[in-house]
Amino acid sequence: MTIEYTLTQSVFITNIIVVFVLLATVVWSVARPDRRIWPPPGRRSWQYSLTWSGWCAAIALNACLLFLDWNSWIFASALRFLLGIPLALLGGLLAFWGIVTIGWTNSTGVRDGFSPSGPYRFTRNPQYVGDTVLFLGLSIIANSQLLWITHALLTLWFIIASLSEEVWLKEQYGAEYERYRREAPRFL
């Protein structure tokens, strides 16, 4: 067992633990909307701190895995860059467009107005769709089985989080959100 192998496995296991904590928070939020963790009740809440520290850790750990487990799986061909790079760019741009459209405060789960414009005309969750496409592109580029696993689990978080957010958005914006929900698909 080499030091590199041990470090890679340690990063992966730590990442899995962090991601499962994140998943537990959104599953809890769907099951118990009266005591939800996501979306958080405010920027200074423990729910906000837990969710965003978890996401920051997951992103940092995924970045480490991208380098530590680079090109260790089955897509060794350089052709993976022709598919992965456009997907990563497209996904990143869609997620960024979503953030710019509704603002950073709304993007972090804190209420700051309702705006069904920009990419939100086509999907109720452009940031989640964009991040999923970004993760897909990065997974193809890195050719890391470990990154595929963590990205798949984070994508599951997006799916479950959208369910929790829908209840919250209905509470916050009422009929305006209900009209919007009928017009725009959840994802695509």
N, C-alpha and C. Protein backbone atom coordinates (compact mmCIF):
# COMPACT_ATOMS: atom_id res chain seq x y z
N MET A 1 0.85 -1.17 0.00
CA MET A 1 0.00 0.00 0.00
C MET A 1 0.90 1.24 0.00
N THR A 2 0.70 2.09 -1.02
CA THR A 2 1.54 3.28 -1.11
C THR A 2 0.89 4.44 -0.36
N ILE A 3 1.68 5.47 -0.12
CA ILE A 3 1.15 6.66 0.54
C ILE A 3 0.08 7.30 -0.32
N GLU A 4 0.30 7.34 -1.64
CA GLU A 4 -0.67 7.93 -2.55
C GLU A 4 -2.00 7.19 -2.47
N TYR A 5 -1.96 5.87 -2.48
CA TYR A 5 -3.19 5.07 -2.40
C TYR A 5 -3.91 5.36 -1.09
N THR A 6 -3.21 5.41 -0.01
CA THR A 6 -3.81 5.68 1.27
C THR A 6 -4.43 7.07 1.30
N LEU A 7 -3.76 8.07 0.76
CA LEU A 7 -4.28 9.42 0.71
C LEU A 7 -5.54 9.48 -0.16
N THR A 8 -5.50 8.85 -1.32
CA THR A 8 -6.66 8.84 -2.22
C THR A 8 -7.86 8.20 -1.54
N GLN A 9 -7.64 7.05 -0.91
CA GLN A 9 -8.74 6.36 -0.24
C GLN A 9 -9.26 7.17 0.95
N SER A 10 -8.37 7.82 1.68
CA SER A 10 -8.79 8.66 2.81
C SER A 10 -9.64 9.83 2.35
N VAL A 11 -9.22 10.47 1.26
CA VAL A 11 -9.99 11.58 0.71
C VAL A 11 -11.35 11.09 0.24
N PHE A 12 -11.38 9.95 -0.44
CA PHE A 12 -12.64 9.40 -0.92
C PHE A 12 -13.59 9.06 0.23
N ILE A 13 -13.09 8.38 1.23
CA ILE A 13 -13.94 8.00 2.37
C ILE A 13 -14.46 9.23 3.10
N THR A 14 -13.59 10.22 3.30
CA THR A 14 -14.02 11.46 3.95
C THR A 14 -15.10 12.15 3.11
N ASN A 15 -14.90 12.16 1.80
CA ASN A 15 -15.87 12.75 0.89
C ASN A 15 -17.21 12.03 0.98
N ILE A 16 -17.19 10.73 1.01
CA ILE A 16 -18.42 9.95 1.10
C ILE A 16 -19.16 10.27 2.41
N ILE A 17 -18.43 10.39 3.49
CA ILE A 17 -19.06 10.73 4.78
C ILE A 17 -19.72 12.10 4.70
N VAL A 18 -19.00 13.08 4.15
CA VAL A 18 -19.55 14.44 4.01
C VAL A 18 -20.79 14.42 3.13
N VAL A 19 -20.72 13.72 2.01
CA VAL A 19 -21.86 13.68 1.09
C VAL A 19 -23.06 12.97 1.73
N PHE A 20 -22.82 11.92 2.49
CA PHE A 20 -23.94 11.25 3.16
C PHE A 20 -24.58 12.14 4.23
N VAL A 21 -23.79 12.96 4.89
CA VAL A 21 -24.36 13.93 5.83
C VAL A 21 -25.23 14.92 5.06
N LEU A 22 -24.73 15.43 3.93
CA LEU A 22 -25.53 16.34 3.11
C LEU A 22 -26.83 15.67 2.65
N LEU A 23 -26.72 14.42 2.21
CA LEU A 23 -27.92 13.69 1.78
C LEU A 23 -28.91 13.51 2.92
N ALA A 24 -28.39 13.21 4.10
CA ALA A 24 -29.27 13.04 5.27
C ALA A 24 -30.02 14.33 5.58
N THR A 25 -29.36 15.48 5.38
CA THR A 25 -30.03 16.75 5.68
C THR A 25 -31.20 17.02 4.74
N VAL A 26 -31.05 16.68 3.45
CA VAL A 26 -32.16 16.94 2.53
C VAL A 26 -33.25 15.89 2.65
N VAL A 27 -32.88 14.65 2.94
CA VAL A 27 -33.91 13.64 3.17
C VAL A 27 -34.73 14.05 4.40
N TRP A 28 -34.05 14.48 5.45
CA TRP A 28 -34.74 14.97 6.65
C TRP A 28 -35.66 16.14 6.29
N SER A 29 -35.18 17.04 5.46
CA SER A 29 -35.94 18.23 5.08
C SER A 29 -37.20 17.88 4.30
N VAL A 30 -37.14 16.85 3.48
CA VAL A 30 -38.33 16.41 2.74
C VAL A 30 -39.30 15.72 3.70
N ALA A 31 -38.76 14.88 4.59
CA ALA A 31 -39.60 14.14 5.53
C ALA A 31 -40.21 15.04 6.60
N ARG A 32 -39.47 16.05 7.01
CA ARG A 32 -39.91 16.94 8.10
C ARG A 32 -39.82 18.40 7.66
N PRO A 33 -40.68 18.85 6.76
CA PRO A 33 -40.57 20.23 6.28
C PRO A 33 -40.75 21.26 7.39
N ASP A 34 -41.41 20.88 8.48
CA ASP A 34 -41.58 21.80 9.60
C ASP A 34 -40.28 22.00 10.37
N ARG A 35 -39.32 21.11 10.17
CA ARG A 35 -38.01 21.20 10.83
C ARG A 35 -36.88 21.06 9.79
N ARG A 36 -37.10 21.62 8.65
CA ARG A 36 -36.16 21.45 7.54
C ARG A 36 -34.78 22.03 7.86
N ILE A 37 -33.81 21.43 7.21
CA ILE A 37 -32.43 21.93 7.26
C ILE A 37 -32.14 22.70 5.98
N TRP A 38 -32.67 22.17 4.85
CA TRP A 38 -32.53 22.86 3.56
C TRP A 38 -33.88 23.11 2.96
N PRO A 39 -34.17 24.32 2.49
CA PRO A 39 -33.42 25.55 2.64
C PRO A 39 -33.34 26.00 4.09
N PRO A 40 -32.25 26.67 4.44
CA PRO A 40 -32.07 27.08 5.83
C PRO A 40 -32.98 28.26 6.21
N PRO A 41 -33.27 28.40 7.50
CA PRO A 41 -34.13 29.52 7.91
C PRO A 41 -33.45 30.89 7.80
N GLY A 42 -32.14 30.94 7.73
CA GLY A 42 -31.45 32.22 7.60
C GLY A 42 -29.95 32.02 7.48
N ARG A 43 -29.28 33.08 7.11
CA ARG A 43 -27.84 33.02 6.90
C ARG A 43 -27.06 32.72 8.19
N ARG A 44 -27.56 33.14 9.33
CA ARG A 44 -26.85 32.93 10.59
C ARG A 44 -27.32 31.69 11.35
N SER A 45 -28.01 30.80 10.68
CA SER A 45 -28.54 29.60 11.34
C SER A 45 -27.53 28.45 11.28
N TRP A 46 -27.69 27.50 12.18
CA TRP A 46 -26.83 26.32 12.16
C TRP A 46 -27.08 25.50 10.89
N GLN A 47 -28.33 25.55 10.38
CA GLN A 47 -28.66 24.81 9.17
C GLN A 47 -27.86 25.35 7.97
N TYR A 48 -27.76 26.66 7.89
CA TYR A 48 -26.99 27.30 6.82
C TYR A 48 -25.52 26.90 6.94
N SER A 49 -24.98 27.01 8.16
CA SER A 49 -23.57 26.68 8.40
C SER A 49 -23.28 25.22 8.08
N LEU A 50 -24.15 24.33 8.51
CA LEU A 50 -23.96 22.89 8.26
C LEU A 50 -23.97 22.60 6.76
N THR A 51 -24.98 23.10 6.07
CA THR A 51 -25.11 22.82 4.64
C THR A 51 -23.93 23.39 3.85
N TRP A 52 -23.59 24.65 4.08
CA TRP A 52 -22.55 25.26 3.27
C TRP A 52 -21.15 24.81 3.65
N SER A 53 -20.91 24.47 4.91
CA SER A 53 -19.60 23.91 5.24
C SER A 53 -19.48 22.51 4.63
N GLY A 54 -20.59 21.76 4.60
CA GLY A 54 -20.58 20.45 3.95
C GLY A 54 -20.31 20.57 2.46
N TRP A 55 -20.97 21.53 1.79
CA TRP A 55 -20.76 21.70 0.36
C TRP A 55 -19.33 22.16 0.06
N CYS A 56 -18.80 23.08 0.86
CA CYS A 56 -17.41 23.53 0.64
C CYS A 56 -16.44 22.36 0.81
N ALA A 57 -16.68 21.54 1.82
CA ALA A 57 -15.81 20.37 2.04
C ALA A 57 -15.93 19.40 0.87
N ALA A 58 -17.16 19.13 0.42
CA ALA A 58 -17.36 18.19 -0.70
C ALA A 58 -16.68 18.69 -1.97
N ILE A 59 -16.80 19.97 -2.27
CA ILE A 59 -16.16 20.52 -3.47
C ILE A 59 -14.64 20.41 -3.36
N ALA A 60 -14.10 20.76 -2.19
CA ALA A 60 -12.63 20.66 -2.00
C ALA A 60 -12.16 19.21 -2.11
N LEU A 61 -12.89 18.30 -1.50
CA LEU A 61 -12.51 16.88 -1.56
C LEU A 61 -12.63 16.33 -2.98
N ASN A 62 -13.66 16.77 -3.71
CA ASN A 62 -13.79 16.35 -5.11
C ASN A 62 -12.64 16.89 -5.95
N ALA A 63 -12.21 18.12 -5.68
CA ALA A 63 -11.06 18.67 -6.41
C ALA A 63 -9.81 17.84 -6.12
N CYS A 64 -9.64 17.43 -4.88
CA CYS A 64 -8.49 16.57 -4.54
C CYS A 64 -8.58 15.24 -5.27
N LEU A 65 -9.77 14.64 -5.29
CA LEU A 65 -9.95 13.36 -5.99
C LEU A 65 -9.66 13.49 -7.48
N LEU A 66 -10.05 14.61 -8.05
CA LEU A 66 -9.81 14.82 -9.48
C LEU A 66 -8.33 14.65 -9.78
N PHE A 67 -7.46 15.15 -8.93
CA PHE A 67 -6.01 15.04 -9.16
C PHE A 67 -5.45 13.71 -8.64
N LEU A 68 -5.87 13.29 -7.47
CA LEU A 68 -5.30 12.08 -6.88
C LEU A 68 -5.68 10.80 -7.63
N ASP A 69 -6.89 10.79 -8.20
CA ASP A 69 -7.37 9.58 -8.86
C ASP A 69 -7.47 9.77 -10.38
N TRP A 70 -6.74 10.74 -10.90
CA TRP A 70 -6.76 11.09 -12.33
C TRP A 70 -6.47 9.88 -13.21
N ASN A 71 -7.35 9.68 -14.21
CA ASN A 71 -7.16 8.69 -15.27
C ASN A 71 -6.92 7.27 -14.73
N SER A 72 -7.69 6.89 -13.73
CA SER A 72 -7.51 5.57 -13.11
C SER A 72 -8.61 4.58 -13.49
N TRP A 73 -9.49 4.97 -14.41
CA TRP A 73 -10.61 4.09 -14.68
C TRP A 73 -10.57 3.60 -16.12
N ILE A 74 -11.69 3.54 -16.82
CA ILE A 74 -11.79 2.82 -18.11
C ILE A 74 -11.75 3.70 -19.35
N PHE A 75 -11.83 5.01 -19.20
CA PHE A 75 -11.89 5.90 -20.37
C PHE A 75 -10.54 6.55 -20.62
N ALA A 76 -9.53 5.76 -20.87
CA ALA A 76 -8.16 6.27 -21.00
C ALA A 76 -7.93 7.09 -22.27
N SER A 77 -8.80 6.98 -23.25
CA SER A 77 -8.61 7.69 -24.51
C SER A 77 -8.68 9.20 -24.31
N ALA A 78 -7.86 9.90 -25.06
CA ALA A 78 -7.87 11.36 -25.02
C ALA A 78 -9.16 11.94 -25.59
N LEU A 79 -9.95 11.11 -26.27
CA LEU A 79 -11.24 11.57 -26.81
C LEU A 79 -12.18 12.01 -25.70
N ARG A 80 -11.92 11.57 -24.48
CA ARG A 80 -12.79 11.98 -23.37
C ARG A 80 -12.79 13.49 -23.18
N PHE A 81 -11.71 14.16 -23.58
CA PHE A 81 -11.63 15.61 -23.46
C PHE A 81 -12.59 16.30 -24.44
N LEU A 82 -12.79 15.69 -25.62
CA LEU A 82 -13.69 16.27 -26.61
C LEU A 82 -15.14 16.27 -26.14
N LEU A 83 -15.50 15.33 -25.31
CA LEU A 83 -16.84 15.27 -24.76
C LEU A 83 -16.91 15.99 -23.41
N GLY A 84 -15.93 15.76 -22.56
CA GLY A 84 -15.97 16.28 -21.20
C GLY A 84 -15.83 17.79 -21.09
N ILE A 85 -14.92 18.38 -21.85
CA ILE A 85 -14.69 19.83 -21.75
C ILE A 85 -15.94 20.63 -22.15
N PRO A 86 -16.58 20.33 -23.30
CA PRO A 86 -17.80 21.10 -23.61
C PRO A 86 -18.91 20.91 -22.57
N LEU A 87 -19.05 19.68 -22.05
CA LEU A 87 -20.07 19.46 -21.02
C LEU A 87 -19.76 20.26 -19.75
N ALA A 88 -18.51 20.25 -19.32
CA ALA A 88 -18.13 21.00 -18.12
C ALA A 88 -18.36 22.50 -18.32
N LEU A 89 -17.99 23.02 -19.48
CA LEU A 89 -18.20 24.44 -19.76
C LEU A 89 -19.68 24.79 -19.83
N LEU A 90 -20.45 23.98 -20.54
CA LEU A 90 -21.89 24.23 -20.66
C LEU A 90 -22.56 24.20 -19.29
N GLY A 91 -22.23 23.18 -18.50
CA GLY A 91 -22.82 23.07 -17.17
C GLY A 91 -22.43 24.22 -16.27
N GLY A 92 -21.16 24.58 -16.30
CA GLY A 92 -20.70 25.70 -15.48
C GLY A 92 -21.36 27.01 -15.86
N LEU A 93 -21.52 27.24 -17.16
CA LEU A 93 -22.18 28.47 -17.63
C LEU A 93 -23.65 28.51 -17.24
N LEU A 94 -24.35 27.37 -17.35
CA LEU A 94 -25.77 27.32 -16.97
C LEU A 94 -25.93 27.59 -15.47
N ALA A 95 -25.09 26.96 -14.65
CA ALA A 95 -25.17 27.19 -13.20
C ALA A 95 -24.87 28.65 -12.87
N PHE A 96 -23.86 29.22 -13.52
CA PHE A 96 -23.49 30.62 -13.28
C PHE A 96 -24.62 31.55 -13.71
N TRP A 97 -25.24 31.27 -14.85
CA TRP A 97 -26.37 32.07 -15.34
C TRP A 97 -27.50 32.05 -14.31
N GLY A 98 -27.76 30.88 -13.73
CA GLY A 98 -28.79 30.77 -12.69
C GLY A 98 -28.47 31.62 -11.47
N ILE A 99 -27.21 31.60 -11.04
CA ILE A 99 -26.79 32.40 -9.88
C ILE A 99 -26.94 33.89 -10.17
N VAL A 100 -26.48 34.31 -11.35
CA VAL A 100 -26.56 35.72 -11.72
C VAL A 100 -28.02 36.17 -11.79
N THR A 101 -28.89 35.30 -12.30
CA THR A 101 -30.30 35.66 -12.48
C THR A 101 -31.00 35.90 -11.15
N ILE A 102 -30.82 35.01 -10.18
CA ILE A 102 -31.57 35.17 -8.92
C ILE A 102 -30.73 35.76 -7.80
N GLY A 103 -29.44 35.93 -8.01
CA GLY A 103 -28.58 36.53 -7.00
C GLY A 103 -28.01 35.50 -6.04
N TRP A 104 -26.92 35.88 -5.41
CA TRP A 104 -26.22 34.97 -4.51
C TRP A 104 -27.05 34.59 -3.29
N THR A 105 -27.79 35.54 -2.72
CA THR A 105 -28.57 35.26 -1.51
C THR A 105 -29.60 34.18 -1.77
N ASN A 106 -30.39 34.32 -2.85
CA ASN A 106 -31.35 33.27 -3.19
C ASN A 106 -30.65 31.95 -3.49
N SER A 107 -29.51 32.02 -4.13
CA SER A 107 -28.78 30.81 -4.50
C SER A 107 -28.29 30.02 -3.29
N THR A 108 -28.10 30.71 -2.18
CA THR A 108 -27.63 30.02 -0.97
C THR A 108 -28.77 29.54 -0.09
N GLY A 109 -29.99 29.65 -0.57
CA GLY A 109 -31.13 29.12 0.16
C GLY A 109 -31.81 30.10 1.08
N VAL A 110 -31.45 31.37 1.00
CA VAL A 110 -32.07 32.40 1.83
C VAL A 110 -32.98 33.23 0.94
N ARG A 111 -34.20 33.49 1.41
CA ARG A 111 -35.19 34.21 0.59
C ARG A 111 -34.73 35.63 0.29
N ASP A 112 -34.81 35.97 -1.02
CA ASP A 112 -34.44 37.31 -1.45
C ASP A 112 -35.22 37.68 -2.72
N GLY A 113 -36.47 37.30 -2.78
CA GLY A 113 -37.30 37.63 -3.93
C GLY A 113 -37.44 36.47 -4.91
N PHE A 114 -38.50 36.53 -5.70
CA PHE A 114 -38.81 35.46 -6.65
C PHE A 114 -38.63 36.00 -8.05
N SER A 115 -37.89 35.29 -8.91
CA SER A 115 -37.60 35.78 -10.24
C SER A 115 -37.59 34.63 -11.25
N PRO A 116 -38.72 34.35 -11.89
CA PRO A 116 -38.76 33.28 -12.89
C PRO A 116 -38.31 33.76 -14.27
N SER A 117 -37.07 34.27 -14.35
CA SER A 117 -36.56 34.78 -15.61
C SER A 117 -35.25 34.08 -15.96
N GLY A 118 -34.61 34.51 -17.03
CA GLY A 118 -33.35 33.90 -17.44
C GLY A 118 -33.53 32.39 -17.65
N PRO A 119 -32.61 31.59 -17.14
CA PRO A 119 -32.72 30.14 -17.34
C PRO A 119 -33.89 29.54 -16.57
N TYR A 120 -34.43 30.28 -15.61
CA TYR A 120 -35.57 29.79 -14.84
C TYR A 120 -36.85 29.75 -15.68
N ARG A 121 -36.83 30.30 -16.87
CA ARG A 121 -37.97 30.17 -17.78
C ARG A 121 -38.06 28.76 -18.34
N PHE A 122 -36.91 28.05 -18.38
CA PHE A 122 -36.83 26.73 -19.02
C PHE A 122 -36.80 25.59 -18.02
N THR A 123 -36.33 25.85 -16.82
CA THR A 123 -36.23 24.83 -15.78
C THR A 123 -36.30 25.53 -14.42
N ARG A 124 -36.95 24.89 -13.46
CA ARG A 124 -37.03 25.48 -12.12
C ARG A 124 -35.71 25.34 -11.37
N ASN A 125 -34.80 24.55 -11.88
CA ASN A 125 -33.54 24.28 -11.18
C ASN A 125 -32.33 24.36 -12.12
N PRO A 126 -32.11 25.51 -12.77
CA PRO A 126 -30.99 25.57 -13.72
C PRO A 126 -29.63 25.38 -13.06
N GLN A 127 -29.49 25.80 -11.82
CA GLN A 127 -28.19 25.62 -11.15
C GLN A 127 -27.93 24.14 -10.91
N TYR A 128 -28.95 23.40 -10.52
CA TYR A 128 -28.78 21.96 -10.29
C TYR A 128 -28.53 21.22 -11.60
N VAL A 129 -29.26 21.60 -12.65
CA VAL A 129 -29.03 20.99 -13.97
C VAL A 129 -27.61 21.32 -14.44
N GLY A 130 -27.22 22.59 -14.31
CA GLY A 130 -25.89 23.00 -14.72
C GLY A 130 -24.79 22.30 -13.94
N ASP A 131 -24.96 22.22 -12.62
CA ASP A 131 -23.95 21.53 -11.80
C ASP A 131 -23.86 20.05 -12.15
N THR A 132 -25.00 19.43 -12.45
CA THR A 132 -24.98 18.01 -12.84
C THR A 132 -24.23 17.82 -14.15
N VAL A 133 -24.47 18.68 -15.12
CA VAL A 133 -23.75 18.60 -16.41
C VAL A 133 -22.26 18.89 -16.19
N LEU A 134 -21.96 19.87 -15.34
CA LEU A 134 -20.56 20.16 -14.99
C LEU A 134 -19.89 18.94 -14.37
N PHE A 135 -20.57 18.31 -13.40
CA PHE A 135 -20.03 17.10 -12.77
C PHE A 135 -19.82 15.99 -13.79
N LEU A 136 -20.76 15.82 -14.71
CA LEU A 136 -20.63 14.80 -15.74
C LEU A 136 -19.38 15.07 -16.58
N GLY A 137 -19.22 16.32 -17.01
CA GLY A 137 -18.05 16.67 -17.81
C GLY A 137 -16.75 16.45 -17.06
N LEU A 138 -16.68 16.86 -15.80
CA LEU A 138 -15.47 16.67 -15.01
C LEU A 138 -15.17 15.19 -14.78
N SER A 139 -16.23 14.41 -14.57
CA SER A 139 -16.03 12.97 -14.36
C SER A 139 -15.47 12.30 -15.61
N ILE A 140 -15.98 12.71 -16.76
CA ILE A 140 -15.46 12.17 -18.03
C ILE A 140 -14.01 12.58 -18.22
N ILE A 141 -13.70 13.84 -18.00
CA ILE A 141 -12.33 14.34 -18.17
C ILE A 141 -11.37 13.63 -17.22
N ALA A 142 -11.71 13.54 -15.95
CA ALA A 142 -10.80 12.98 -14.94
C ALA A 142 -10.67 11.47 -15.06
N ASN A 143 -11.70 10.80 -15.61
CA ASN A 143 -11.67 9.35 -15.75
C ASN A 143 -11.37 8.67 -14.41
N SER A 144 -12.09 9.12 -13.39
CA SER A 144 -11.91 8.59 -12.04
C SER A 144 -13.20 7.94 -11.56
N GLN A 145 -13.15 6.65 -11.27
CA GLN A 145 -14.32 5.95 -10.76
C GLN A 145 -14.78 6.57 -9.44
N LEU A 146 -13.85 6.98 -8.61
CA LEU A 146 -14.19 7.57 -7.31
C LEU A 146 -14.93 8.89 -7.50
N LEU A 147 -14.52 9.68 -8.47
CA LEU A 147 -15.19 10.95 -8.75
C LEU A 147 -16.59 10.71 -9.33
N TRP A 148 -16.74 9.69 -10.17
CA TRP A 148 -18.07 9.33 -10.68
C TRP A 148 -19.01 9.03 -9.52
N ILE A 149 -18.53 8.31 -8.53
CA ILE A 149 -19.38 7.93 -7.38
C ILE A 149 -19.80 9.17 -6.60
N THR A 150 -18.83 10.02 -6.26
CA THR A 150 -19.19 11.19 -5.45
C THR A 150 -20.05 12.17 -6.23
N HIS A 151 -19.78 12.32 -7.52
CA HIS A 151 -20.61 13.21 -8.33
C HIS A 151 -22.03 12.67 -8.47
N ALA A 152 -22.18 11.37 -8.59
CA ALA A 152 -23.52 10.78 -8.66
C ALA A 152 -24.29 11.02 -7.36
N LEU A 153 -23.62 10.88 -6.24
CA LEU A 153 -24.28 11.12 -4.94
C LEU A 153 -24.64 12.59 -4.76
N LEU A 154 -23.79 13.50 -5.22
CA LEU A 154 -24.12 14.93 -5.14
C LEU A 154 -25.28 15.27 -6.06
N THR A 155 -25.37 14.61 -7.21
CA THR A 155 -26.50 14.81 -8.10
C THR A 155 -27.79 14.32 -7.44
N LEU A 156 -27.71 13.24 -6.69
CA LEU A 156 -28.86 12.77 -5.92
C LEU A 156 -29.29 13.85 -4.92
N TRP A 157 -28.32 14.55 -4.32
CA TRP A 157 -28.65 15.65 -3.40
C TRP A 157 -29.47 16.70 -4.13
N PHE A 158 -29.08 17.05 -5.37
CA PHE A 158 -29.82 18.06 -6.14
C PHE A 158 -31.27 17.62 -6.35
N ILE A 159 -31.46 16.36 -6.66
CA ILE A 159 -32.82 15.85 -6.91
C ILE A 159 -33.66 15.96 -5.65
N ILE A 160 -33.12 15.51 -4.53
CA ILE A 160 -33.88 15.54 -3.28
C ILE A 160 -34.06 16.97 -2.78
N ALA A 161 -33.03 17.80 -2.91
CA ALA A 161 -33.11 19.20 -2.46
C ALA A 161 -34.21 19.94 -3.20
N SER A 162 -34.38 19.64 -4.49
CA SER A 162 -35.43 20.33 -5.25
C SER A 162 -36.81 20.04 -4.67
N LEU A 163 -37.00 18.84 -4.13
CA LEU A 163 -38.28 18.49 -3.52
C LEU A 163 -38.51 19.31 -2.24
N SER A 164 -37.47 19.45 -1.44
CA SER A 164 -37.56 20.25 -0.23
C SER A 164 -37.78 21.72 -0.55
N GLU A 165 -37.12 22.20 -1.56
CA GLU A 165 -37.24 23.61 -1.95
C GLU A 165 -38.64 23.93 -2.46
N GLU A 166 -39.29 22.99 -3.14
CA GLU A 166 -40.62 23.26 -3.68
C GLU A 166 -41.62 23.56 -2.57
N VAL A 167 -41.56 22.82 -1.48
CA VAL A 167 -42.44 23.08 -0.34
C VAL A 167 -42.15 24.46 0.23
N TRP A 168 -40.87 24.77 0.40
CA TRP A 168 -40.45 26.06 0.95
C TRP A 168 -40.87 27.21 0.04
N LEU A 169 -40.66 27.06 -1.27
CA LEU A 169 -41.02 28.10 -2.21
C LEU A 169 -42.52 28.36 -2.22
N LYS A 170 -43.31 27.30 -2.10
CA LYS A 170 -44.77 27.46 -2.03
C LYS A 170 -45.14 28.24 -0.77
N GLU A 171 -44.49 27.94 0.35
CA GLU A 171 -44.74 28.66 1.59
C GLU A 171 -44.36 30.14 1.45
N GLN A 172 -43.25 30.41 0.80
CA GLN A 172 -42.74 31.77 0.70
C GLN A 172 -43.48 32.62 -0.33
N TYR A 173 -43.83 32.03 -1.47
CA TYR A 173 -44.34 32.82 -2.59
C TYR A 173 -45.75 32.46 -3.03
N GLY A 174 -46.36 31.46 -2.41
CA GLY A 174 -47.76 31.13 -2.63
C GLY A 174 -48.17 30.89 -4.07
N ALA A 175 -49.25 31.58 -4.47
CA ALA A 175 -49.85 31.38 -5.80
C ALA A 175 -48.88 31.73 -6.92
N GLU A 176 -48.02 32.73 -6.70
CA GLU A 176 -47.05 33.11 -7.73
C GLU A 176 -46.13 31.93 -8.06
N TYR A 177 -45.67 31.23 -7.05
CA TYR A 177 -44.82 30.07 -7.29
C TYR A 177 -45.61 28.91 -7.90
N GLU A 178 -46.85 28.71 -7.45
CA GLU A 178 -47.67 27.63 -8.00
C GLU A 178 -47.89 27.81 -9.50
N ARG A 179 -48.16 29.04 -9.93
CA ARG A 179 -48.31 29.32 -11.37
C ARG A 179 -47.01 28.97 -12.11
N TYR A 180 -45.91 29.43 -11.55
CA TYR A 180 -44.60 29.18 -12.16
C TYR A 180 -44.31 27.68 -12.22
N ARG A 181 -44.63 26.97 -11.16
CA ARG A 181 -44.37 25.52 -11.08
C ARG A 181 -45.13 24.76 -12.17
N ARG A 182 -46.31 25.23 -12.52
CA ARG A 182 -47.09 24.59 -13.59
C ARG A 182 -46.49 24.88 -14.97
N GLU A 183 -45.78 26.01 -15.10
CA GLU A 183 -45.25 26.43 -16.40
C GLU A 183 -43.86 25.89 -16.72
N ALA A 184 -43.01 25.75 -15.71
CA ALA A 184 -41.62 25.35 -15.96
C ALA A 184 -41.36 23.95 -15.38
N PRO A 185 -40.67 23.09 -16.12
CA PRO A 185 -40.39 21.76 -15.59
C PRO A 185 -39.37 21.81 -14.44
N ARG A 186 -39.41 20.80 -13.59
CA ARG A 186 -38.50 20.74 -12.45
C ARG A 186 -37.04 20.75 -12.91
N PHE A 187 -36.73 19.92 -13.88
CA PHE A 187 -35.35 19.86 -14.38
C PHE A 187 -35.32 20.20 -15.87
N LEU A 188 -35.75 19.30 -16.72
CA LEU A 188 -35.74 19.57 -18.17
C LEU A 188 -37.07 19.24 -18.80
